[in-house]
Amino acid sequence: MQSLNEHSRLKRLFVVAGAAVGAVLSGWYLFRNIAPGSAKAIPDPIWARFVNVALIMFSAIYLMNLLRRFIERGIKGKRQ
């Protein structure tokens, strides 16, 4: 029973961390896309910005979840 609580704590922690990383990366993307004098002469259309921000958020949370699974396997392997 105790191991289930530990896994749920790790899951919530990694999802929140993934959302935070995704928010930072999305903010950086939007700033670089909208800021005057950036490398791009023409910024992306609005629909592309929404899609790209959604993909960045999904990717960050998904990768943090994969990292959590590898860490849990490592912890489980050390216990046995």
C-alpha atoms as a PDB file:
ATOM      1  CA  MET A   1       0.000   0.000   0.000  1.00  0.00           C
ATOM      2  CA  GLN A   2       2.813   2.372   0.807  1.00  0.00           C
ATOM      3  CA  SER A   3       4.436   1.958  -2.612  1.00  0.00           C
ATOM      4  CA  LEU A   4       1.199   3.089  -4.342  1.00  0.00           C
ATOM      5  CA  ASN A   5       1.231   6.370  -2.414  1.00  0.00           C
ATOM      6  CA  GLU A   6       4.867   6.921  -3.312  1.00  0.00           C
ATOM      7  CA  HIS A   7       4.178   6.380  -7.006  1.00  0.00           C
ATOM      8  CA  SER A   8       1.202   8.734  -6.987  1.00  0.00           C
ATOM      9  CA  ARG A   9       3.328  11.443  -5.340  1.00  0.00           C
ATOM     10  CA  LEU A  10       5.996  11.002  -7.977  1.00  0.00           C
ATOM     11  CA  LYS A  11       3.416  11.077 -10.750  1.00  0.00           C
ATOM     12  CA  ARG A  12       1.895  14.359  -9.591  1.00  0.00           C
ATOM     13  CA  LEU A  13       5.340  15.888  -9.072  1.00  0.00           C
ATOM     14  CA  PHE A  14       6.542  14.965 -12.552  1.00  0.00           C
ATOM     15  CA  VAL A  15       3.334  16.114 -14.260  1.00  0.00           C
ATOM     16  CA  VAL A  16       3.599  19.494 -12.527  1.00  0.00           C
ATOM     17  CA  ALA A  17       7.294  19.710 -13.434  1.00  0.00           C
ATOM     18  CA  GLY A  18       6.459  18.854 -17.062  1.00  0.00           C
ATOM     19  CA  ALA A  19       3.774  21.530 -17.144  1.00  0.00           C
ATOM     20  CA  ALA A  20       6.231  24.077 -15.721  1.00  0.00           C
ATOM     21  CA  VAL A  21       8.896  23.174 -18.278  1.00  0.00           C
ATOM     22  CA  GLY A  22       6.289  23.310 -21.050  1.00  0.00           C
ATOM     23  CA  ALA A  23       5.095  26.733 -19.898  1.00  0.00           C
ATOM     24  CA  VAL A  24       8.645  28.100 -19.890  1.00  0.00           C
ATOM     25  CA  LEU A  25       9.391  26.670 -23.337  1.00  0.00           C
ATOM     26  CA  SER A  26       6.066  27.931 -24.700  1.00  0.00           C
ATOM     27  CA  GLY A  27       6.758  31.412 -23.340  1.00  0.00           C
ATOM     28  CA  TRP A  28      10.209  31.375 -24.916  1.00  0.00           C
ATOM     29  CA  TYR A  29       8.724  30.250 -28.242  1.00  0.00           C
ATOM     30  CA  LEU A  30       6.053  32.958 -28.207  1.00  0.00           C
ATOM     31  CA  PHE A  31       8.541  35.646 -27.197  1.00  0.00           C
ATOM     32  CA  ARG A  32      10.967  34.665 -29.967  1.00  0.00           C
ATOM     33  CA  ASN A  33       8.118  34.497 -32.485  1.00  0.00           C
ATOM     34  CA  ILE A  34       6.470  37.815 -31.630  1.00  0.00           C
ATOM     35  CA  ALA A  35       9.466  39.920 -30.535  1.00  0.00           C
ATOM     36  CA  PRO A  36      10.560  42.580 -33.029  1.00  0.00           C
ATOM     37  CA  GLY A  37      13.987  42.042 -34.456  1.00  0.00           C
ATOM     38  CA  SER A  38      13.890  38.282 -34.024  1.00  0.00           C
ATOM     39  CA  ALA A  39      15.499  35.991 -36.579  1.00  0.00           C
ATOM     40  CA  LYS A  40      12.183  35.415 -38.402  1.00  0.00           C
ATOM     41  CA  ALA A  41      10.986  38.207 -40.657  1.00  0.00           C
ATOM     42  CA  ILE A  42       7.370  36.970 -40.668  1.00  0.00           C
ATOM     43  CA  PRO A  43       5.911  35.525 -37.444  1.00  0.00           C
ATOM     44  CA  ASP A  44       3.829  32.357 -37.493  1.00  0.00           C
ATOM     45  CA  PRO A  45       0.069  32.727 -37.971  1.00  0.00           C
ATOM     46  CA  ILE A  46      -2.105  32.586 -34.856  1.00  0.00           C
ATOM     47  CA  TRP A  47      -3.359  29.051 -35.526  1.00  0.00           C
ATOM     48  CA  ALA A  48       0.201  27.764 -35.854  1.00  0.00           C
ATOM     49  CA  ARG A  49       1.146  29.383 -32.535  1.00  0.00           C
ATOM     50  CA  PHE A  50      -1.734  27.613 -30.769  1.00  0.00           C
ATOM     51  CA  VAL A  51      -0.767  24.276 -32.324  1.00  0.00           C
ATOM     52  CA  ASN A  52       2.915  24.707 -31.504  1.00  0.00           C
ATOM     53  CA  VAL A  53       2.230  25.699 -27.894  1.00  0.00           C
ATOM     54  CA  ALA A  54      -0.042  22.664 -27.494  1.00  0.00           C
ATOM     55  CA  LEU A  55       2.646  20.392 -28.946  1.00  0.00           C
ATOM     56  CA  ILE A  56       5.307  21.878 -26.687  1.00  0.00           C
ATOM     57  CA  MET A  57       3.122  21.360 -23.598  1.00  0.00           C
ATOM     58  CA  PHE A  58       2.199  17.795 -24.586  1.00  0.00           C
ATOM     59  CA  SER A  59       5.804  16.875 -25.349  1.00  0.00           C
ATOM     60  CA  ALA A  60       7.148  18.289 -22.092  1.00  0.00           C
ATOM     61  CA  ILE A  61       4.569  16.472 -19.943  1.00  0.00           C
ATOM     62  CA  TYR A  62       4.985  13.229 -21.905  1.00  0.00           C
ATOM     63  CA  LEU A  63       8.781  13.283 -21.616  1.00  0.00           C
ATOM     64  CA  MET A  64       8.608  14.004 -17.884  1.00  0.00           C
ATOM     65  CA  ASN A  65       6.230  11.046 -17.507  1.00  0.00           C
ATOM     66  CA  LEU A  66       8.703   8.797 -19.332  1.00  0.00           C
ATOM     67  CA  LEU A  67      11.487  10.046 -17.073  1.00  0.00           C
ATOM     68  CA  ARG A  68       9.324   9.216 -14.031  1.00  0.00           C
ATOM     69  CA  ARG A  69       8.792   5.678 -15.294  1.00  0.00           C
ATOM     70  CA  PHE A  70      12.534   5.140 -15.725  1.00  0.00           C
ATOM     71  CA  ILE A  71      13.187   6.504 -12.241  1.00  0.00           C
ATOM     72  CA  GLU A  72      10.494   4.270 -10.734  1.00  0.00           C
ATOM     73  CA  ARG A  73      12.014   1.235 -12.466  1.00  0.00           C
ATOM     74  CA  GLY A  74      15.411   2.180 -11.088  1.00  0.00           C
ATOM     75  CA  ILE A  75      14.011   2.559  -7.573  1.00  0.00           C
ATOM     76  CA  LYS A  76      12.117  -0.716  -7.884  1.00  0.00           C
ATOM     77  CA  GLY A  77      15.265  -2.486  -9.152  1.00  0.00           C
ATOM     78  CA  LYS A  78      17.358  -1.256  -6.213  1.00  0.00           C
ATOM     79  CA  ARG A  79      14.764  -2.485  -3.691  1.00  0.00           C
ATOM     80  CA  GLN A  80      14.731  -6.038  -5.062  1.00  0.00           C
END
